[in-house]
Amino acid sequence: MTESDILLSHLDADGILRLTLNDTRRRNALSEAMLGALDRAFAAAAADAAVRVVVLAANGPAFCAGHDLKELTAGRAAPDGGKAYFAKIITLCSGVMQSIVTCPKPVIAEVTGVATAAGCQLVASCDLAIAATDARFSTPGVHIGLFCSTPMVALSRNVANKHAMEMLLTGDMVPAARAAEIGLVNHAVAPETVTEATMAMARKIASKSSLTLATGKRAFYEQREMPLAQAYDQASAVMVENMLARDAEEGIGAFIEKRAPQWQDR
């Protein structure tokens, strides 16, 4: 399949970009080709002023089955036993996950089916996630002797330690309702309404100032890694700069004047 076949892309009039994993034969595995396609898609979305929100969805019975283990196993035929190839794929995958976090546009996962291993990592890396009630999540590496170390990074930043460790140490499937309880996803909704719910959230967010959203998303992830005092210093500096923006002036003025704001995204 070509890159345009395995990752579908559609930008609507509201500025919502839907990226749809479409390698159903391989259960939307994060093959080298899929990772490359995602990497380029998020880079393009970050640079495109027409994109206001990104929705990451999938076709088929699986949202994403994680790494393509057959592809990785084939890499063992190299003289180094696959070390260089494994490093290349894991580095590429880690880069994609980070590109979701650093993308200035909010990213929402629309999860149907199963999201396992690096597929669960993909969901955890998104800013928000809406799951169908029949969706399931797991980090099952322990079943095959391969601890889900890189998925652990995103998972442990979204759910509490004991919930993350339970998923990582047991490899058990977590139903969508439980995923919502522990904070892996925002909401679990009926399968027939998952797209409607996701797009409703996307449209709500897309109606805000893109400058404000980008400023807030960047600040959120930056301060999260800092000690408390440093986080307040950083957030205070960001807020001062945000107050000087045209959209903040317009938004506050519109609130005082009881009218709808007219964003200029600057």
Protein backbone atom coordinates (compact mmCIF):
# COMPACT_ATOMS: atom_id res chain seq x y z
CA MET A 1 0.00 0.00 0.00
CA THR A 2 1.13 3.56 -0.65
CA GLU A 3 1.51 6.15 2.11
CA SER A 4 -1.72 7.86 1.05
CA ASP A 5 -3.50 4.50 1.33
CA ILE A 6 -2.31 3.56 4.83
CA LEU A 7 -2.95 7.02 6.30
CA LEU A 8 -5.98 8.89 5.01
CA SER A 9 -6.19 12.65 5.44
CA HIS A 10 -9.16 15.04 5.24
CA LEU A 11 -9.38 18.70 6.27
CA ASP A 12 -12.90 20.06 6.69
CA ALA A 13 -14.26 23.60 6.57
CA ASP A 14 -13.93 24.00 10.35
CA GLY A 15 -10.18 23.37 10.22
CA ILE A 16 -10.45 19.85 11.64
CA LEU A 17 -7.92 17.49 10.11
CA ARG A 18 -8.90 13.82 10.30
CA LEU A 19 -5.97 11.45 9.99
CA THR A 20 -7.24 7.87 9.64
CA LEU A 21 -5.03 4.82 10.07
CA ASN A 22 -6.03 2.57 7.18
CA ASP A 23 -3.66 -0.40 7.09
CA THR A 24 -6.42 -2.76 8.19
CA ARG A 25 -4.64 -5.87 6.89
CA ARG A 26 -1.94 -5.30 9.50
CA ARG A 27 -4.39 -4.01 12.14
CA ASN A 28 -2.99 -0.52 11.64
CA ALA A 29 0.37 -1.58 13.04
CA LEU A 30 3.05 1.07 13.42
CA SER A 31 5.15 -0.26 10.58
CA GLU A 32 8.08 1.75 9.28
CA ALA A 33 5.82 3.08 6.52
CA MET A 34 3.04 4.04 8.93
CA LEU A 35 5.44 5.78 11.29
CA GLY A 36 6.91 7.71 8.39
CA ALA A 37 3.46 8.73 7.21
CA LEU A 38 2.44 9.89 10.70
CA ASP A 39 5.68 11.79 11.16
CA ARG A 40 5.16 13.72 7.93
CA ALA A 41 1.45 14.27 8.59
CA PHE A 42 2.00 15.82 12.02
CA ALA A 43 4.83 17.99 10.72
CA ALA A 44 2.56 19.26 7.95
CA ALA A 45 -0.35 19.83 10.37
CA ALA A 46 1.87 21.82 12.71
CA ALA A 47 2.90 24.15 9.88
CA ASP A 48 -0.54 24.55 8.26
CA ALA A 49 -2.47 27.57 9.54
CA ALA A 50 -5.68 26.08 8.11
CA VAL A 51 -5.48 23.17 10.58
CA ARG A 52 -7.00 24.05 13.94
CA VAL A 53 -7.51 20.59 15.49
CA VAL A 54 -6.26 17.10 14.53
CA VAL A 55 -8.39 13.98 15.01
CA LEU A 56 -6.56 10.65 14.85
CA ALA A 57 -8.94 7.82 13.96
CA ALA A 58 -8.70 4.34 12.43
CA ASN A 59 -10.50 2.00 10.07
CA GLY A 60 -11.01 -1.68 10.76
CA PRO A 61 -11.39 -3.76 13.94
CA ALA A 62 -8.21 -2.40 15.58
CA PHE A 63 -7.28 1.19 16.32
CA CYS A 64 -3.62 0.20 16.34
CA ALA A 65 -1.89 -3.07 17.21
CA GLY A 66 1.45 -1.49 18.05
CA HIS A 67 4.71 -2.26 16.28
CA ASP A 68 4.75 -4.61 13.30
CA LEU A 69 6.44 -7.60 14.96
CA LYS A 70 6.93 -9.45 11.67
CA GLU A 71 8.78 -6.44 10.28
CA LEU A 72 10.93 -6.21 13.40
CA THR A 73 11.65 -9.94 13.35
CA ALA A 74 12.81 -9.69 9.73
CA GLY A 75 15.37 -7.15 10.93
CA ARG A 76 17.13 -9.88 12.92
CA ALA A 77 18.61 -11.15 9.65
CA ALA A 78 21.10 -8.26 9.64
CA PRO A 79 24.70 -9.00 10.71
CA ASP A 80 24.15 -7.15 14.01
CA GLY A 81 21.09 -9.25 14.83
CA GLY A 82 18.78 -6.31 14.17
CA LYS A 83 20.21 -3.85 16.70
CA ALA A 84 20.55 -0.95 14.25
CA TYR A 85 17.13 -1.55 12.72
CA PHE A 86 15.44 -1.88 16.11
CA ALA A 87 17.04 1.40 17.20
CA LYS A 88 15.89 3.09 13.99
CA ILE A 89 12.25 2.02 14.42
CA ILE A 90 12.04 2.78 18.14
CA THR A 91 13.65 6.19 17.60
CA LEU A 92 11.23 6.94 14.76
CA CYS A 93 8.29 5.86 16.90
CA SER A 94 9.43 7.95 19.86
CA GLY A 95 9.78 10.91 17.53
CA VAL A 96 6.20 10.50 16.27
CA MET A 97 4.85 10.37 19.83
CA GLN A 98 6.76 13.51 20.72
CA SER A 99 5.57 15.26 17.56
CA ILE A 100 1.98 14.79 18.78
CA VAL A 101 2.84 16.45 22.09
CA THR A 102 4.80 19.29 20.46
CA CYS A 103 2.26 19.86 17.67
CA PRO A 104 0.73 23.30 18.36
CA LYS A 105 -2.69 21.98 17.33
CA PRO A 106 -4.75 19.97 19.85
CA VAL A 107 -4.81 16.27 18.93
CA ILE A 108 -7.80 14.05 19.76
CA ALA A 109 -7.72 10.26 19.47
CA GLU A 110 -10.98 8.67 18.29
CA VAL A 111 -10.57 5.08 19.45
CA THR A 112 -12.48 2.11 18.12
CA GLY A 113 -11.39 -1.51 18.53
CA VAL A 114 -8.20 -2.39 20.36
CA ALA A 115 -5.18 -0.18 21.05
CA THR A 116 -2.28 -2.31 22.20
CA ALA A 117 1.39 -1.72 23.05
CA ALA A 118 2.61 1.22 20.92
CA GLY A 119 -1.02 1.64 19.82
CA CYS A 120 -1.93 2.34 23.45
CA GLN A 121 1.08 4.66 23.56
CA LEU A 122 -0.37 6.49 20.54
CA VAL A 123 -3.65 7.11 22.40
CA ALA A 124 -1.84 8.21 25.56
CA SER A 125 0.30 10.63 23.55
CA CYS A 126 -2.74 12.49 22.20
CA ASP A 127 -4.01 15.49 24.16
CA LEU A 128 -7.53 14.07 24.42
CA ALA A 129 -9.19 10.75 23.62
CA ILE A 130 -12.75 9.61 23.02
CA ALA A 131 -13.27 5.84 22.97
CA ALA A 132 -16.11 3.60 21.93
CA THR A 133 -17.40 1.55 24.86
CA ASP A 134 -16.24 -1.64 23.14
CA ALA A 135 -12.68 -0.34 22.69
CA ARG A 136 -9.94 -1.98 24.74
CA PHE A 137 -6.42 -1.04 25.73
CA SER A 138 -3.34 -2.93 26.84
CA THR A 139 0.44 -2.89 27.09
CA PRO A 140 0.93 -6.64 26.58
CA GLY A 141 4.67 -6.82 26.03
CA VAL A 142 5.20 -8.95 29.13
CA HIS A 143 3.33 -11.78 27.37
CA ILE A 144 6.09 -12.04 24.75
CA GLY A 145 9.14 -11.17 26.85
CA LEU A 146 9.31 -7.55 25.70
CA PHE A 147 8.41 -4.98 28.36
CA CYS A 148 6.49 -2.02 26.94
CA SER A 149 9.18 0.46 27.97
CA THR A 150 8.47 3.21 25.44
CA PRO A 151 4.67 2.95 25.78
CA MET A 152 5.33 3.27 29.51
CA VAL A 153 6.55 6.84 29.01
CA ALA A 154 3.24 8.10 27.64
CA LEU A 155 1.13 5.83 29.84
CA SER A 156 2.82 6.91 33.08
CA ARG A 157 2.24 10.56 32.19
CA ASN A 158 -1.51 10.00 31.82
CA VAL A 159 -2.53 7.60 34.58
CA ALA A 160 -1.46 7.17 38.20
CA ASN A 161 1.55 4.99 38.94
CA LYS A 162 -0.29 1.97 40.27
CA HIS A 163 -2.73 1.89 37.35
CA ALA A 164 0.15 2.22 34.89
CA MET A 165 2.15 -0.50 36.62
CA GLU A 166 -0.85 -2.83 36.66
CA MET A 167 -1.24 -2.47 32.90
CA LEU A 168 2.49 -2.87 32.28
CA LEU A 169 3.09 -5.82 34.63
CA THR A 170 -0.02 -7.86 33.79
CA GLY A 171 -0.56 -6.99 30.13
CA ASP A 172 -4.30 -7.34 30.75
CA MET A 173 -6.88 -5.75 28.48
CA VAL A 174 -8.53 -2.66 29.97
CA PRO A 175 -12.10 -1.92 28.81
CA ALA A 176 -12.99 1.60 27.71
CA ALA A 177 -15.03 2.38 30.82
CA ARG A 178 -12.06 1.53 33.04
CA ALA A 179 -9.73 3.50 30.74
CA ALA A 180 -11.94 6.53 31.32
CA GLU A 181 -11.87 5.96 35.09
CA ILE A 182 -8.08 5.93 35.25
CA GLY A 183 -7.61 8.86 32.87
CA LEU A 184 -6.28 7.10 29.79
CA VAL A 185 -9.24 8.45 27.81
CA ASN A 186 -11.63 11.34 28.47
CA HIS A 187 -14.92 9.62 27.67
CA ALA A 188 -16.27 6.21 26.68
CA VAL A 189 -19.33 6.54 24.46
CA ALA A 190 -21.58 4.23 22.46
CA PRO A 191 -19.80 2.92 19.35
CA GLU A 192 -22.37 4.45 17.03
CA THR A 193 -21.75 7.91 18.52
CA VAL A 194 -17.96 7.93 18.90
CA THR A 195 -17.31 9.96 15.74
CA GLU A 196 -20.10 12.39 16.57
CA ALA A 197 -18.74 12.88 20.10
CA THR A 198 -15.18 13.31 18.88
CA MET A 199 -16.12 15.80 16.20
CA ALA A 200 -18.31 17.77 18.61
CA MET A 201 -15.32 18.17 20.92
CA ALA A 202 -13.07 19.01 17.96
CA ARG A 203 -15.46 21.69 16.69
CA LYS A 204 -15.75 23.22 20.16
CA ILE A 205 -11.97 23.48 20.44
CA ALA A 206 -11.56 24.66 16.83
CA SER A 207 -13.80 27.64 17.59
CA LYS A 208 -11.17 29.06 19.96
CA SER A 209 -8.17 31.22 19.10
CA SER A 210 -5.45 29.04 17.56
CA LEU A 211 -2.80 31.25 19.15
CA THR A 212 -4.33 30.75 22.57
CA LEU A 213 -4.60 26.98 22.11
CA ALA A 214 -1.00 26.67 20.92
CA THR A 215 0.24 28.82 23.79
CA GLY A 216 -1.69 26.82 26.36
CA LYS A 217 -0.77 23.40 25.00
CA ARG A 218 2.93 24.23 24.94
CA ALA A 219 2.82 25.68 28.45
CA PHE A 220 0.92 22.68 29.81
CA TYR A 221 3.56 20.17 28.73
CA GLU A 222 6.48 22.42 29.69
CA GLN A 223 5.33 23.13 33.24
CA ARG A 224 4.34 19.52 33.91
CA GLU A 225 8.00 18.47 33.97
CA MET A 226 9.10 21.29 36.31
CA PRO A 227 9.28 21.68 40.09
CA LEU A 228 6.38 23.71 41.51
CA ALA A 229 8.11 27.09 41.85
CA GLN A 230 9.69 26.83 38.41
CA ALA A 231 6.34 25.80 36.93
CA TYR A 232 4.68 28.90 38.39
CA ASP A 233 7.48 31.13 37.07
CA GLN A 234 7.13 29.60 33.62
CA ALA A 235 3.33 29.80 33.61
CA SER A 236 3.41 33.39 34.84
CA ALA A 237 5.74 34.43 32.02
CA VAL A 238 3.52 32.66 29.50
CA MET A 239 0.42 34.37 30.87
CA VAL A 240 2.00 37.83 30.63
CA GLU A 241 2.94 37.20 27.00
CA ASN A 242 -0.52 35.81 26.32
CA MET A 243 -2.15 38.92 27.81
CA LEU A 244 -0.23 41.05 25.30
CA ALA A 245 -1.64 39.08 22.35
CA ARG A 246 -4.31 40.63 20.17
CA ASP A 247 -6.71 37.70 20.73
CA ALA A 248 -6.53 38.06 24.51
CA GLU A 249 -7.33 41.75 24.21
CA GLU A 250 -10.21 40.93 21.88
CA GLY A 251 -11.51 38.06 24.00
CA ILE A 252 -11.52 40.07 27.22
CA GLY A 253 -13.11 43.02 25.44
CA ALA A 254 -15.80 40.79 23.95
CA PHE A 255 -16.55 39.31 27.38
CA ILE A 256 -16.92 42.76 28.94
CA GLU A 257 -19.04 43.98 26.02
CA LYS A 258 -21.12 40.78 26.01
CA ARG A 259 -20.46 39.90 22.36
CA ALA A 260 -18.85 37.07 20.43
CA PRO A 261 -15.08 37.46 20.00
CA GLN A 262 -13.56 37.80 16.55
CA TRP A 263 -10.32 35.84 16.58
CA GLN A 264 -7.37 36.74 14.40
CA ASP A 265 -5.09 34.01 15.77
CA ARG A 266 -2.42 36.50 16.78
